[in-house]
Protein backbone atom coordinates (compact mmCIF):
# COMPACT_ATOMS: atom_id res chain seq x y z
CA UNK A 1 0.00 0.00 0.00
CA UNK A 2 1.30 3.42 -0.82
CA UNK A 3 0.45 6.68 0.88
CA UNK A 4 1.77 10.24 0.91
CA UNK A 5 5.57 10.56 1.13
CA UNK A 6 6.71 10.54 4.74
CA UNK A 7 3.39 9.15 6.00
CA UNK A 8 3.17 5.54 7.21
CA UNK A 9 0.13 3.45 6.39
CA UNK A 10 -2.08 3.07 9.45
CA UNK A 11 -2.30 -0.59 10.44
CA UNK A 12 -5.76 -2.13 10.96
CA UNK A 13 -6.94 -2.71 14.53
CA UNK A 14 -9.17 -5.64 13.50
CA UNK A 15 -8.42 -8.85 11.58
CA UNK A 16 -10.04 -10.94 8.85
CA UNK A 17 -12.63 -13.30 10.31
CA UNK A 18 -13.05 -11.21 13.44
CA UNK A 19 -16.61 -10.64 14.62
CA UNK A 20 -17.57 -7.02 15.17
CA UNK A 21 -20.63 -5.03 16.19
CA UNK A 22 -22.00 -1.97 14.38
CA UNK A 23 -21.91 1.06 16.69
CA UNK A 24 -24.52 2.94 14.66
CA UNK A 25 -27.11 2.28 11.95
CA UNK A 26 -25.30 1.75 8.63
CA UNK A 27 -27.19 3.11 5.60
CA UNK A 28 -26.66 2.71 1.87
CA UNK A 29 -24.56 5.59 0.55
CA UNK A 30 -25.23 4.51 -3.03
CA UNK A 31 -22.60 1.77 -3.12
CA UNK A 32 -25.32 -0.94 -3.02
CA UNK A 33 -27.41 -0.50 -6.19
CA UNK A 34 -29.64 -3.43 -5.19
CA UNK A 35 -30.82 -1.42 -2.15
CA UNK A 36 -32.53 1.97 -2.11
CA UNK A 37 -30.37 5.00 -1.37
CA UNK A 38 -30.21 5.50 2.42
CA UNK A 39 -31.71 2.02 3.06
CA UNK A 40 -30.69 0.46 6.36
CA UNK A 41 -28.00 -2.15 5.65
CA UNK A 42 -27.12 -3.02 9.27
CA UNK A 43 -28.80 -1.76 12.42
CA UNK A 44 -26.89 -0.53 15.44
CA UNK A 45 -25.89 -3.59 17.46
CA UNK A 46 -25.79 -5.92 14.43
CA UNK A 47 -23.02 -8.52 14.56
CA UNK A 48 -20.95 -9.07 11.43
CA UNK A 49 -17.71 -10.71 10.34
CA UNK A 50 -14.79 -8.95 8.67
CA UNK A 51 -14.35 -10.53 5.24
CA UNK A 52 -11.72 -8.17 3.79
CA UNK A 53 -9.57 -5.21 4.78
CA UNK A 54 -8.58 -2.35 2.50
CA UNK A 55 -7.13 1.11 2.94
CA UNK A 56 -8.59 4.56 2.24
CA UNK A 57 -5.46 6.38 1.09
CA UNK A 58 -7.02 9.87 1.23
CA UNK A 59 -7.69 9.60 4.97
CA UNK A 60 -4.99 6.99 5.79
CA UNK A 61 -7.54 4.71 7.46
CA UNK A 62 -8.23 0.98 7.20
CA UNK A 63 -11.57 0.13 5.60
CA UNK A 64 -13.24 -3.10 6.65
CA UNK A 65 -15.67 -5.07 4.51
CA UNK A 66 -18.06 -6.55 7.05
CA UNK A 67 -20.59 -9.28 6.23
CA UNK A 68 -23.79 -8.45 8.07
CA UNK A 69 -27.07 -10.37 7.61
CA UNK A 70 -28.37 -7.97 4.91
CA UNK A 71 -25.21 -6.97 3.05
CA UNK A 72 -21.45 -6.60 3.00
CA UNK A 73 -20.76 -3.07 4.22
CA UNK A 74 -17.59 -0.98 4.08
CA UNK A 75 -16.87 0.37 7.57
CA UNK A 76 -14.27 2.49 9.32
CA UNK A 77 -12.91 1.55 12.75
CA UNK A 78 -14.99 4.26 14.46
CA UNK A 79 -18.14 2.47 13.25
CA UNK A 80 -17.21 -0.89 14.81
CA UNK A 81 -16.36 -2.52 18.11
CA UNK A 82 -15.07 -6.09 18.60
CA UNK A 83 -17.76 -8.62 19.52
CA UNK A 84 -17.05 -10.18 22.92
CA UNK A 85 -16.08 -13.86 23.00
CA UNK A 86 -19.07 -16.08 23.66
CA UNK A 87 -21.61 -13.62 22.23
CA UNK A 88 -22.70 -16.23 19.69
CA UNK A 89 -22.53 -20.02 20.03
CA UNK A 90 -19.86 -20.31 17.29
CA UNK A 91 -17.62 -17.86 19.19
CA UNK A 92 -17.99 -19.72 22.48
CA UNK A 93 -15.01 -19.63 24.81
CA UNK A 94 -13.39 -23.10 24.53
CA UNK A 95 -12.16 -22.85 28.13
CA UNK A 96 -15.69 -22.42 29.48
CA UNK A 97 -18.01 -24.28 27.09
CA UNK A 98 -21.75 -24.39 27.69
CA UNK A 99 -22.92 -27.20 29.89
CA UNK A 100 -25.58 -29.31 28.26
CA UNK A 101 -28.13 -31.19 30.33
PDB file of N, CA and C in Angstrom:
ATOM      1  N   UNK A   1       0.836  -1.175   0.000  1.00  0.00           N
ATOM      2  CA  UNK A   1       0.000   0.000   0.000  1.00  0.00           C
ATOM      3  C   UNK A   1       0.880   1.238   0.000  1.00  0.00           C
ATOM      4  N   UNK A   2       0.535   2.180  -0.818  1.00  0.00           N
ATOM      5  CA  UNK A   2       1.298   3.423  -0.817  1.00  0.00           C
ATOM      6  C   UNK A   2       0.449   4.536  -0.229  1.00  0.00           C
ATOM      7  N   UNK A   3       1.115   5.517   0.292  1.00  0.00           N
ATOM      8  CA  UNK A   3       0.452   6.676   0.876  1.00  0.00           C
ATOM      9  C   UNK A   3       1.314   7.899   0.576  1.00  0.00           C
ATOM     10  N   UNK A   4       1.002   9.024   1.146  1.00  0.00           N
ATOM     11  CA  UNK A   4       1.769  10.236   0.905  1.00  0.00           C
ATOM     12  C   UNK A   4       3.206  10.059   1.381  1.00  0.00           C
ATOM     13  N   UNK A   5       4.169  10.673   0.692  1.00  0.00           N
ATOM     14  CA  UNK A   5       5.568  10.564   1.125  1.00  0.00           C
ATOM     15  C   UNK A   5       5.731  11.009   2.574  1.00  0.00           C
ATOM     16  N   UNK A   6       6.471  10.217   3.342  1.00  0.00           N
ATOM     17  CA  UNK A   6       6.712  10.543   4.740  1.00  0.00           C
ATOM     18  C   UNK A   6       5.602  10.113   5.687  1.00  0.00           C
ATOM     19  N   UNK A   7       4.500   9.571   5.158  1.00  0.00           N
ATOM     20  CA  UNK A   7       3.392   9.147   6.001  1.00  0.00           C
ATOM     21  C   UNK A   7       3.294   7.621   5.966  1.00  0.00           C
ATOM     22  N   UNK A   8       3.295   6.995   7.138  1.00  0.00           N
ATOM     23  CA  UNK A   8       3.173   5.544   7.209  1.00  0.00           C
ATOM     24  C   UNK A   8       1.712   5.133   7.124  1.00  0.00           C
ATOM     25  N   UNK A   9       1.479   3.984   6.497  1.00  0.00           N
ATOM     26  CA  UNK A   9       0.128   3.449   6.391  1.00  0.00           C
ATOM     27  C   UNK A   9      -0.334   3.016   7.778  1.00  0.00           C
ATOM     28  N   UNK A  10      -1.522   3.434   8.149  1.00  0.00           N
ATOM     29  CA  UNK A  10      -2.085   3.075   9.449  1.00  0.00           C
ATOM     30  C   UNK A  10      -2.507   1.620   9.437  1.00  0.00           C
ATOM     31  N   UNK A  11      -1.998   0.844  10.367  1.00  0.00           N
ATOM     32  CA  UNK A  11      -2.297  -0.587  10.441  1.00  0.00           C
ATOM     33  C   UNK A  11      -3.719  -0.808  10.976  1.00  0.00           C
ATOM     34  N   UNK A  12      -4.409  -1.836  10.472  1.00  0.00           N
ATOM     35  CA  UNK A  12      -5.758  -2.131  10.957  1.00  0.00           C
ATOM     36  C   UNK A  12      -5.757  -2.626  12.408  1.00  0.00           C
ATOM     37  N   UNK A  13      -6.781  -2.258  13.143  1.00  0.00           N
ATOM     38  CA  UNK A  13      -6.938  -2.714  14.526  1.00  0.00           C
ATOM     39  C   UNK A  13      -7.632  -4.064  14.586  1.00  0.00           C
ATOM     40  N   UNK A  14      -8.400  -4.401  13.540  1.00  0.00           N
ATOM     41  CA  UNK A  14      -9.168  -5.645  13.502  1.00  0.00           C
ATOM     42  C   UNK A  14      -8.609  -6.561  12.421  1.00  0.00           C
ATOM     43  N   UNK A  15      -8.971  -7.847  12.495  1.00  0.00           N
ATOM     44  CA  UNK A  15      -8.417  -8.853  11.582  1.00  0.00           C
ATOM     45  C   UNK A  15      -9.519  -9.535  10.775  1.00  0.00           C
ATOM     46  N   UNK A  16      -9.114 -10.139   9.654  1.00  0.00           N
ATOM     47  CA  UNK A  16     -10.044 -10.936   8.852  1.00  0.00           C
ATOM     48  C   UNK A  16     -10.650 -12.016   9.737  1.00  0.00           C
ATOM     49  N   UNK A  17     -11.944 -12.257   9.552  1.00  0.00           N
ATOM     50  CA  UNK A  17     -12.626 -13.301  10.306  1.00  0.00           C
ATOM     51  C   UNK A  17     -13.077 -12.874  11.681  1.00  0.00           C
ATOM     52  N   UNK A  18     -12.664 -11.697  12.115  1.00  0.00           N
ATOM     53  CA  UNK A  18     -13.054 -11.215  13.438  1.00  0.00           C
ATOM     54  C   UNK A  18     -14.509 -10.770  13.420  1.00  0.00           C
ATOM     55  N   UNK A  19     -15.223 -11.081  14.486  1.00  0.00           N
ATOM     56  CA  UNK A  19     -16.612 -10.637  14.623  1.00  0.00           C
ATOM     57  C   UNK A  19     -16.631  -9.259  15.253  1.00  0.00           C
ATOM     58  N   UNK A  20     -17.469  -8.403  14.692  1.00  0.00           N
ATOM     59  CA  UNK A  20     -17.572  -7.023  15.166  1.00  0.00           C
ATOM     60  C   UNK A  20     -19.034  -6.638  15.285  1.00  0.00           C
ATOM     61  N   UNK A  21     -19.285  -5.544  15.992  1.00  0.00           N
ATOM     62  CA  UNK A  21     -20.635  -5.029  16.195  1.00  0.00           C
ATOM     63  C   UNK A  21     -20.706  -3.620  15.634  1.00  0.00           C
ATOM     64  N   UNK A  22     -21.781  -3.319  14.903  1.00  0.00           N
ATOM     65  CA  UNK A  22     -22.000  -1.966  14.377  1.00  0.00           C
ATOM     66  C   UNK A  22     -22.367  -1.028  15.524  1.00  0.00           C
ATOM     67  N   UNK A  23     -21.652   0.086  15.626  1.00  0.00           N
ATOM     68  CA  UNK A  23     -21.914   1.062  16.689  1.00  0.00           C
ATOM     69  C   UNK A  23     -23.048   2.019  16.352  1.00  0.00           C
ATOM     70  N   UNK A  24     -23.455   2.047  15.096  1.00  0.00           N
ATOM     71  CA  UNK A  24     -24.522   2.937  14.658  1.00  0.00           C
ATOM     72  C   UNK A  24     -25.251   2.267  13.509  1.00  0.00           C
ATOM     73  N   UNK A  25     -26.415   2.775  13.138  1.00  0.00           N
ATOM     74  CA  UNK A  25     -27.106   2.279  11.953  1.00  0.00           C
ATOM     75  C   UNK A  25     -26.239   2.572  10.733  1.00  0.00           C
ATOM     76  N   UNK A  26     -26.093   1.588   9.855  1.00  0.00           N
ATOM     77  CA  UNK A  26     -25.304   1.751   8.631  1.00  0.00           C
ATOM     78  C   UNK A  26     -26.255   1.772   7.444  1.00  0.00           C
ATOM     79  N   UNK A  27     -26.254   2.897   6.712  1.00  0.00           N
ATOM     80  CA  UNK A  27     -27.185   3.113   5.605  1.00  0.00           C
ATOM     81  C   UNK A  27     -26.458   3.073   4.266  1.00  0.00           C
ATOM     82  N   UNK A  28     -27.206   2.751   3.224  1.00  0.00           N
ATOM     83  CA  UNK A  28     -26.665   2.712   1.869  1.00  0.00           C
ATOM     84  C   UNK A  28     -26.304   4.121   1.398  1.00  0.00           C
ATOM     85  N   UNK A  29     -25.035   4.298   1.061  1.00  0.00           N
ATOM     86  CA  UNK A  29     -24.560   5.587   0.547  1.00  0.00           C
ATOM     87  C   UNK A  29     -24.564   5.619  -0.975  1.00  0.00           C
ATOM     88  N   UNK A  30     -25.175   4.602  -1.576  1.00  0.00           N
ATOM     89  CA  UNK A  30     -25.226   4.505  -3.029  1.00  0.00           C
ATOM     90  C   UNK A  30     -24.321   3.405  -3.558  1.00  0.00           C
ATOM     91  N   UNK A  31     -23.522   2.815  -2.682  1.00  0.00           N
ATOM     92  CA  UNK A  31     -22.601   1.767  -3.123  1.00  0.00           C
ATOM     93  C   UNK A  31     -23.279   0.396  -3.254  1.00  0.00           C
ATOM     94  N   UNK A  32     -24.536   0.297  -2.878  1.00  0.00           N
ATOM     95  CA  UNK A  32     -25.316  -0.942  -3.019  1.00  0.00           C
ATOM     96  C   UNK A  32     -26.501  -0.672  -3.944  1.00  0.00           C
ATOM     97  N   UNK A  33     -26.322  -0.824  -5.257  1.00  0.00           N
ATOM     98  CA  UNK A  33     -27.406  -0.501  -6.186  1.00  0.00           C
ATOM     99  C   UNK A  33     -28.643  -1.388  -6.024  1.00  0.00           C
ATOM    100  N   UNK A  34     -28.489  -2.545  -5.394  1.00  0.00           N
ATOM    101  CA  UNK A  34     -29.637  -3.434  -5.192  1.00  0.00           C
ATOM    102  C   UNK A  34     -30.513  -2.992  -4.021  1.00  0.00           C
ATOM    103  N   UNK A  35     -30.061  -1.990  -3.257  1.00  0.00           N
ATOM    104  CA  UNK A  35     -30.823  -1.420  -2.151  1.00  0.00           C
ATOM    105  C   UNK A  35     -31.095   0.050  -2.452  1.00  0.00           C
ATOM    106  N   UNK A  36     -32.198   0.556  -1.930  1.00  0.00           N
ATOM    107  CA  UNK A  36     -32.533   1.969  -2.109  1.00  0.00           C
ATOM    108  C   UNK A  36     -31.482   2.847  -1.426  1.00  0.00           C
ATOM    109  N   UNK A  37     -31.275   4.028  -1.975  1.00  0.00           N
ATOM    110  CA  UNK A  37     -30.371   4.998  -1.374  1.00  0.00           C
ATOM    111  C   UNK A  37     -30.844   5.282   0.047  1.00  0.00           C
ATOM    112  N   UNK A  38     -29.956   5.264   1.002  1.00  0.00           N
ATOM    113  CA  UNK A  38     -30.211   5.502   2.420  1.00  0.00           C
ATOM    114  C   UNK A  38     -30.945   4.344   3.108  1.00  0.00           C
ATOM    115  N   UNK A  39     -31.085   3.188   2.433  1.00  0.00           N
ATOM    116  CA  UNK A  39     -31.706   2.017   3.063  1.00  0.00           C
ATOM    117  C   UNK A  39     -30.818   1.521   4.196  1.00  0.00           C
ATOM    118  N   UNK A  40     -31.432   1.007   5.231  1.00  0.00           N
ATOM    119  CA  UNK A  40     -30.692   0.460   6.363  1.00  0.00           C
ATOM    120  C   UNK A  40     -30.051  -0.866   5.947  1.00  0.00           C
ATOM    121  N   UNK A  41     -28.728  -0.932   6.018  1.00  0.00           N
ATOM    122  CA  UNK A  41     -27.999  -2.148   5.651  1.00  0.00           C
ATOM    123  C   UNK A  41     -27.658  -2.984   6.884  1.00  0.00           C
ATOM    124  N   UNK A  42     -27.399  -2.330   8.001  1.00  0.00           N
ATOM    125  CA  UNK A  42     -27.119  -3.016   9.266  1.00  0.00           C
ATOM    126  C   UNK A  42     -27.524  -2.078  10.400  1.00  0.00           C
ATOM    127  N   UNK A  43     -28.352  -2.572  11.290  1.00  0.00           N
ATOM    128  CA  UNK A  43     -28.802  -1.759  12.418  1.00  0.00           C
ATOM    129  C   UNK A  43     -27.738  -1.706  13.502  1.00  0.00           C
ATOM    130  N   UNK A  44     -27.790  -0.657  14.289  1.00  0.00           N
ATOM    131  CA  UNK A  44     -26.895  -0.534  15.440  1.00  0.00           C
ATOM    132  C   UNK A  44     -27.021  -1.799  16.282  1.00  0.00           C
ATOM    133  N   UNK A  45     -25.886  -2.373  16.668  1.00  0.00           N
ATOM    134  CA  UNK A  45     -25.886  -3.594  17.461  1.00  0.00           C
ATOM    135  C   UNK A  45     -25.804  -4.869  16.643  1.00  0.00           C
ATOM    136  N   UNK A  46     -25.890  -4.740  15.298  1.00  0.00           N
ATOM    137  CA  UNK A  46     -25.786  -5.925  14.435  1.00  0.00           C
ATOM    138  C   UNK A  46     -24.377  -6.502  14.514  1.00  0.00           C
ATOM    139  N   UNK A  47     -24.305  -7.833  14.528  1.00  0.00           N
ATOM    140  CA  UNK A  47     -23.020  -8.520  14.555  1.00  0.00           C
ATOM    141  C   UNK A  47     -22.669  -8.934  13.133  1.00  0.00           C
ATOM    142  N   UNK A  48     -21.431  -8.686  12.743  1.00  0.00           N
ATOM    143  CA  UNK A  48     -20.950  -9.071  11.427  1.00  0.00           C
ATOM    144  C   UNK A  48     -19.553  -9.655  11.534  1.00  0.00           C
ATOM    145  N   UNK A  49     -19.054 -10.130  10.395  1.00  0.00           N
ATOM    146  CA  UNK A  49     -17.709 -10.706  10.341  1.00  0.00           C
ATOM    147  C   UNK A  49     -16.896  -9.992   9.286  1.00  0.00           C
ATOM    148  N   UNK A  50     -15.675  -9.623   9.622  1.00  0.00           N
ATOM    149  CA  UNK A  50     -14.788  -8.952   8.667  1.00  0.00           C
ATOM    150  C   UNK A  50     -14.365  -9.960   7.607  1.00  0.00           C
ATOM    151  N   UNK A  51     -14.657  -9.622   6.343  1.00  0.00           N
ATOM    152  CA  UNK A  51     -14.345 -10.530   5.238  1.00  0.00           C
ATOM    153  C   UNK A  51     -13.226  -9.998   4.349  1.00  0.00           C
ATOM    154  N   UNK A  52     -12.833  -8.744   4.554  1.00  0.00           N
ATOM    155  CA  UNK A  52     -11.723  -8.174   3.791  1.00  0.00           C
ATOM    156  C   UNK A  52     -11.313  -6.862   4.455  1.00  0.00           C
ATOM    157  N   UNK A  53     -10.069  -6.476   4.228  1.00  0.00           N
ATOM    158  CA  UNK A  53      -9.570  -5.213   4.778  1.00  0.00           C
ATOM    159  C   UNK A  53      -8.848  -4.463   3.665  1.00  0.00           C
ATOM    160  N   UNK A  54      -9.231  -3.201   3.481  1.00  0.00           N
ATOM    161  CA  UNK A  54      -8.581  -2.345   2.501  1.00  0.00           C
ATOM    162  C   UNK A  54      -8.012  -1.123   3.193  1.00  0.00           C
ATOM    163  N   UNK A  55      -7.713  -0.108   2.389  1.00  0.00           N
ATOM    164  CA  UNK A  55      -7.128   1.107   2.938  1.00  0.00           C
ATOM    165  C   UNK A  55      -7.640   2.311   2.145  1.00  0.00           C
ATOM    166  N   UNK A  56      -8.167   3.309   2.855  1.00  0.00           N
ATOM    167  CA  UNK A  56      -8.585   4.562   2.239  1.00  0.00           C
ATOM    168  C   UNK A  56      -7.390   5.500   2.280  1.00  0.00           C
ATOM    169  N   UNK A  57      -6.706   5.627   1.165  1.00  0.00           N
ATOM    170  CA  UNK A  57      -5.464   6.385   1.088  1.00  0.00           C
ATOM    171  C   UNK A  57      -5.662   7.857   1.442  1.00  0.00           C
ATOM    172  N   UNK A  58      -6.781   8.442   1.006  1.00  0.00           N
ATOM    173  CA  UNK A  58      -7.021   9.870   1.228  1.00  0.00           C
ATOM    174  C   UNK A  58      -7.063  10.236   2.703  1.00  0.00           C
ATOM    175  N   UNK A  59      -7.568   9.322   3.540  1.00  0.00           N
ATOM    176  CA  UNK A  59      -7.685   9.605   4.974  1.00  0.00           C
ATOM    177  C   UNK A  59      -6.745   8.733   5.813  1.00  0.00           C
ATOM    178  N   UNK A  60      -5.943   7.893   5.139  1.00  0.00           N
ATOM    179  CA  UNK A  60      -4.987   6.988   5.791  1.00  0.00           C
ATOM    180  C   UNK A  60      -5.660   6.171   6.887  1.00  0.00           C
ATOM    181  N   UNK A  61      -6.760   5.521   6.518  1.00  0.00           N
ATOM    182  CA  UNK A  61      -7.537   4.713   7.458  1.00  0.00           C
ATOM    183  C   UNK A  61      -7.807   3.342   6.853  1.00  0.00           C
ATOM    184  N   UNK A  62      -7.787   2.290   7.683  1.00  0.00           N
ATOM    185  CA  UNK A  62      -8.231   0.979   7.204  1.00  0.00           C
ATOM    186  C   UNK A  62      -9.735   1.020   6.925  1.00  0.00           C
ATOM    187  N   UNK A  63     -10.151   0.289   5.915  1.00  0.00           N
ATOM    188  CA  UNK A  63     -11.569   0.132   5.605  1.00  0.00           C
ATOM    189  C   UNK A  63     -11.866  -1.362   5.676  1.00  0.00           C
ATOM    190  N   UNK A  64     -12.883  -1.711   6.433  1.00  0.00           N
ATOM    191  CA  UNK A  64     -13.238  -3.102   6.654  1.00  0.00           C
ATOM    192  C   UNK A  64     -14.497  -3.439   5.866  1.00  0.00           C
ATOM    193  N   UNK A  65     -14.459  -4.537   5.116  1.00  0.00           N
ATOM    194  CA  UNK A  65     -15.674  -5.068   4.511  1.00  0.00           C
ATOM    195  C   UNK A  65     -16.244  -6.060   5.508  1.00  0.00           C
ATOM    196  N   UNK A  66     -17.441  -5.754   6.001  1.00  0.00           N
ATOM    197  CA  UNK A  66     -18.056  -6.553   7.053  1.00  0.00           C
ATOM    198  C   UNK A  66     -19.322  -7.208   6.508  1.00  0.00           C
ATOM    199  N   UNK A  67     -19.397  -8.531   6.651  1.00  0.00           N
ATOM    200  CA  UNK A  67     -20.586  -9.283   6.231  1.00  0.00           C
ATOM    201  C   UNK A  67     -21.594  -9.242   7.368  1.00  0.00           C
ATOM    202  N   UNK A  68     -22.662  -8.471   7.150  1.00  0.00           N
ATOM    203  CA  UNK A  68     -23.794  -8.453   8.072  1.00  0.00           C
ATOM    204  C   UNK A  68     -24.890  -9.306   7.444  1.00  0.00           C
ATOM    205  N   UNK A  69     -25.992  -9.519   8.120  1.00  0.00           N
ATOM    206  CA  UNK A  69     -27.072 -10.367   7.609  1.00  0.00           C
ATOM    207  C   UNK A  69     -27.619  -9.863   6.274  1.00  0.00           C
ATOM    208  N   UNK A  70     -27.763  -8.545   6.110  1.00  0.00           N
ATOM    209  CA  UNK A  70     -28.370  -7.970   4.913  1.00  0.00           C
ATOM    210  C   UNK A  70     -27.397  -7.728   3.767  1.00  0.00           C
ATOM    211  N   UNK A  71     -26.146  -7.393   4.095  1.00  0.00           N
ATOM    212  CA  UNK A  71     -25.212  -6.973   3.046  1.00  0.00           C
ATOM    213  C   UNK A  71     -23.785  -6.932   3.586  1.00  0.00           C
ATOM    214  N   UNK A  72     -22.843  -6.869   2.654  1.00  0.00           N
ATOM    215  CA  UNK A  72     -21.446  -6.601   2.999  1.00  0.00           C
ATOM    216  C   UNK A  72     -21.296  -5.086   2.961  1.00  0.00           C
ATOM    217  N   UNK A  73     -20.817  -4.516   4.068  1.00  0.00           N
ATOM    218  CA  UNK A  73     -20.759  -3.066   4.218  1.00  0.00           C
ATOM    219  C   UNK A  73     -19.322  -2.632   4.489  1.00  0.00           C
ATOM    220  N   UNK A  74     -18.888  -1.577   3.814  1.00  0.00           N
ATOM    221  CA  UNK A  74     -17.585  -0.981   4.079  1.00  0.00           C
ATOM    222  C   UNK A  74     -17.684  -0.108   5.319  1.00  0.00           C
ATOM    223  N   UNK A  75     -16.810  -0.351   6.299  1.00  0.00           N
ATOM    224  CA  UNK A  75     -16.869   0.371   7.575  1.00  0.00           C
ATOM    225  C   UNK A  75     -15.491   0.877   7.974  1.00  0.00           C
ATOM    226  N   UNK A  76     -15.484   1.984   8.691  1.00  0.00           N
ATOM    227  CA  UNK A  76     -14.269   2.493   9.318  1.00  0.00           C
ATOM    228  C   UNK A  76     -14.230   1.982  10.758  1.00  0.00           C
ATOM    229  N   UNK A  77     -13.055   2.046  11.375  1.00  0.00           N
ATOM    230  CA  UNK A  77     -12.914   1.550  12.747  1.00  0.00           C
ATOM    231  C   UNK A  77     -13.862   2.238  13.718  1.00  0.00           C
ATOM    232  N   UNK A  78     -14.119   3.531  13.529  1.00  0.00           N
ATOM    233  CA  UNK A  78     -14.990   4.257  14.457  1.00  0.00           C
ATOM    234  C   UNK A  78     -16.443   3.792  14.394  1.00  0.00           C
ATOM    235  N   UNK A  79     -16.775   2.976  13.378  1.00  0.00           N
ATOM    236  CA  UNK A  79     -18.143   2.467  13.246  1.00  0.00           C
ATOM    237  C   UNK A  79     -18.307   1.066  13.830  1.00  0.00           C
ATOM    238  N   UNK A  80     -17.203   0.495  14.361  1.00  0.00           N
ATOM    239  CA  UNK A  80     -17.211  -0.890  14.810  1.00  0.00           C
ATOM    240  C   UNK A  80     -16.616  -1.033  16.202  1.00  0.00           C
ATOM    241  N   UNK A  81     -16.978  -2.116  16.848  1.00  0.00           N
ATOM    242  CA  UNK A  81     -16.365  -2.520  18.108  1.00  0.00           C
ATOM    243  C   UNK A  81     -16.256  -4.049  18.058  1.00  0.00           C
ATOM    244  N   UNK A  82     -15.198  -4.628  18.627  1.00  0.00           N
ATOM    245  CA  UNK A  82     -15.073  -6.086  18.602  1.00  0.00           C
ATOM    246  C   UNK A  82     -16.216  -6.756  19.367  1.00  0.00           C
ATOM    247  N   UNK A  83     -16.722  -7.854  18.828  1.00  0.00           N
ATOM    248  CA  UNK A  83     -17.756  -8.624  19.520  1.00  0.00           C
ATOM    249  C   UNK A  83     -17.084  -9.421  20.635  1.00  0.00           C
ATOM    250  N   UNK A  84     -17.668  -9.428  21.828  1.00  0.00           N
ATOM    251  CA  UNK A  84     -17.051 -10.180  22.918  1.00  0.00           C
ATOM    252  C   UNK A  84     -17.113 -11.682  22.669  1.00  0.00           C
ATOM    253  N   UNK A  85     -16.104 -12.399  23.121  1.00  0.00           N
ATOM    254  CA  UNK A  85     -16.081 -13.857  23.001  1.00  0.00           C
ATOM    255  C   UNK A  85     -17.301 -14.430  23.700  1.00  0.00           C
ATOM    256  N   UNK A  86     -17.911 -15.436  23.080  1.00  0.00           N
ATOM    257  CA  UNK A  86     -19.072 -16.084  23.662  1.00  0.00           C
ATOM    258  C   UNK A  86     -20.392 -15.420  23.342  1.00  0.00           C
ATOM    259  N   UNK A  87     -20.367 -14.316  22.574  1.00  0.00           N
ATOM    260  CA  UNK A  87     -21.606 -13.620  22.226  1.00  0.00           C
ATOM    261  C   UNK A  87     -22.528 -14.537  21.428  1.00  0.00           C
ATOM    262  N   UNK A  88     -21.950 -15.269  20.505  1.00  0.00           N
ATOM    263  CA  UNK A  88     -22.704 -16.225  19.687  1.00  0.00           C
ATOM    264  C   UNK A  88     -22.173 -17.623  19.956  1.00  0.00           C
ATOM    265  N   UNK A  89     -22.991 -18.655  19.763  1.00  0.00           N
ATOM    266  CA  UNK A  89     -22.527 -20.017  20.033  1.00  0.00           C
ATOM    267  C   UNK A  89     -21.232 -20.378  19.308  1.00  0.00           C
ATOM    268  N   UNK A  90     -21.057 -19.942  18.039  1.00  0.00           N
ATOM    269  CA  UNK A  90     -19.860 -20.305  17.294  1.00  0.00           C
ATOM    270  C   UNK A  90     -18.619 -19.549  17.757  1.00  0.00           C
ATOM    271  N   UNK A  91     -18.775 -18.569  18.650  1.00  0.00           N
ATOM    272  CA  UNK A  91     -17.620 -17.858  19.189  1.00  0.00           C
ATOM    273  C   UNK A  91     -17.435 -18.200  20.664  1.00  0.00           C
ATOM    274  N   UNK A  92     -18.037 -19.300  21.081  1.00  0.00           N
ATOM    275  CA  UNK A  92     -17.995 -19.717  22.477  1.00  0.00           C
ATOM    276  C   UNK A  92     -16.563 -19.890  22.975  1.00  0.00           C
ATOM    277  N   UNK A  93     -16.316 -19.498  24.192  1.00  0.00           N
ATOM    278  CA  UNK A  93     -15.011 -19.632  24.814  1.00  0.00           C
ATOM    279  C   UNK A  93     -14.727 -21.120  25.039  1.00  0.00           C
ATOM    280  N   UNK A  94     -13.668 -21.676  24.395  1.00  0.00           N
ATOM    281  CA  UNK A  94     -13.394 -23.102  24.533  1.00  0.00           C
ATOM    282  C   UNK A  94     -12.986 -23.500  25.951  1.00  0.00           C
ATOM    283  N   UNK A  95     -12.556 -22.550  26.771  1.00  0.00           N
ATOM    284  CA  UNK A  95     -12.159 -22.851  28.133  1.00  0.00           C
ATOM    285  C   UNK A  95     -13.392 -23.043  29.038  1.00  0.00           C
ATOM    286  N   UNK A  96     -14.470 -22.347  28.682  1.00  0.00           N
ATOM    287  CA  UNK A  96     -15.693 -22.417  29.479  1.00  0.00           C
ATOM    288  C   UNK A  96     -16.889 -22.758  28.589  1.00  0.00           C
ATOM    289  N   UNK A  97     -16.911 -23.940  27.977  1.00  0.00           N
ATOM    290  CA  UNK A  97     -18.010 -24.278  27.087  1.00  0.00           C
ATOM    291  C   UNK A  97     -19.341 -24.383  27.841  1.00  0.00           C
ATOM    292  N   UNK A  98     -20.430 -24.249  27.101  1.00  0.00           N
ATOM    293  CA  UNK A  98     -21.752 -24.392  27.694  1.00  0.00           C
ATOM    294  C   UNK A  98     -21.928 -25.793  28.233  1.00  0.00           C
ATOM    295  N   UNK A  99     -22.638 -25.885  29.303  1.00  0.00           N
ATOM    296  CA  UNK A  99     -22.925 -27.195  29.885  1.00  0.00           C
ATOM    297  C   UNK A  99     -24.274 -27.644  29.359  1.00  0.00           C
ATOM    298  N   UNK A 100     -24.307 -28.821  28.752  1.00  0.00           N
ATOM    299  CA  UNK A 100     -25.583 -29.313  28.259  1.00  0.00           C
ATOM    300  C   UNK A 100     -26.151 -30.334  29.235  1.00  0.00           C
ATOM    301  N   UNK A 101     -27.460 -30.305  29.358  1.00  0.00           N
ATOM    302  CA  UNK A 101     -28.135 -31.190  30.326  1.00  0.00           C
ATOM    303  C   UNK A 101     -28.350 -32.562  29.776  1.00  0.00           C
TER     304      UNK A 101
END
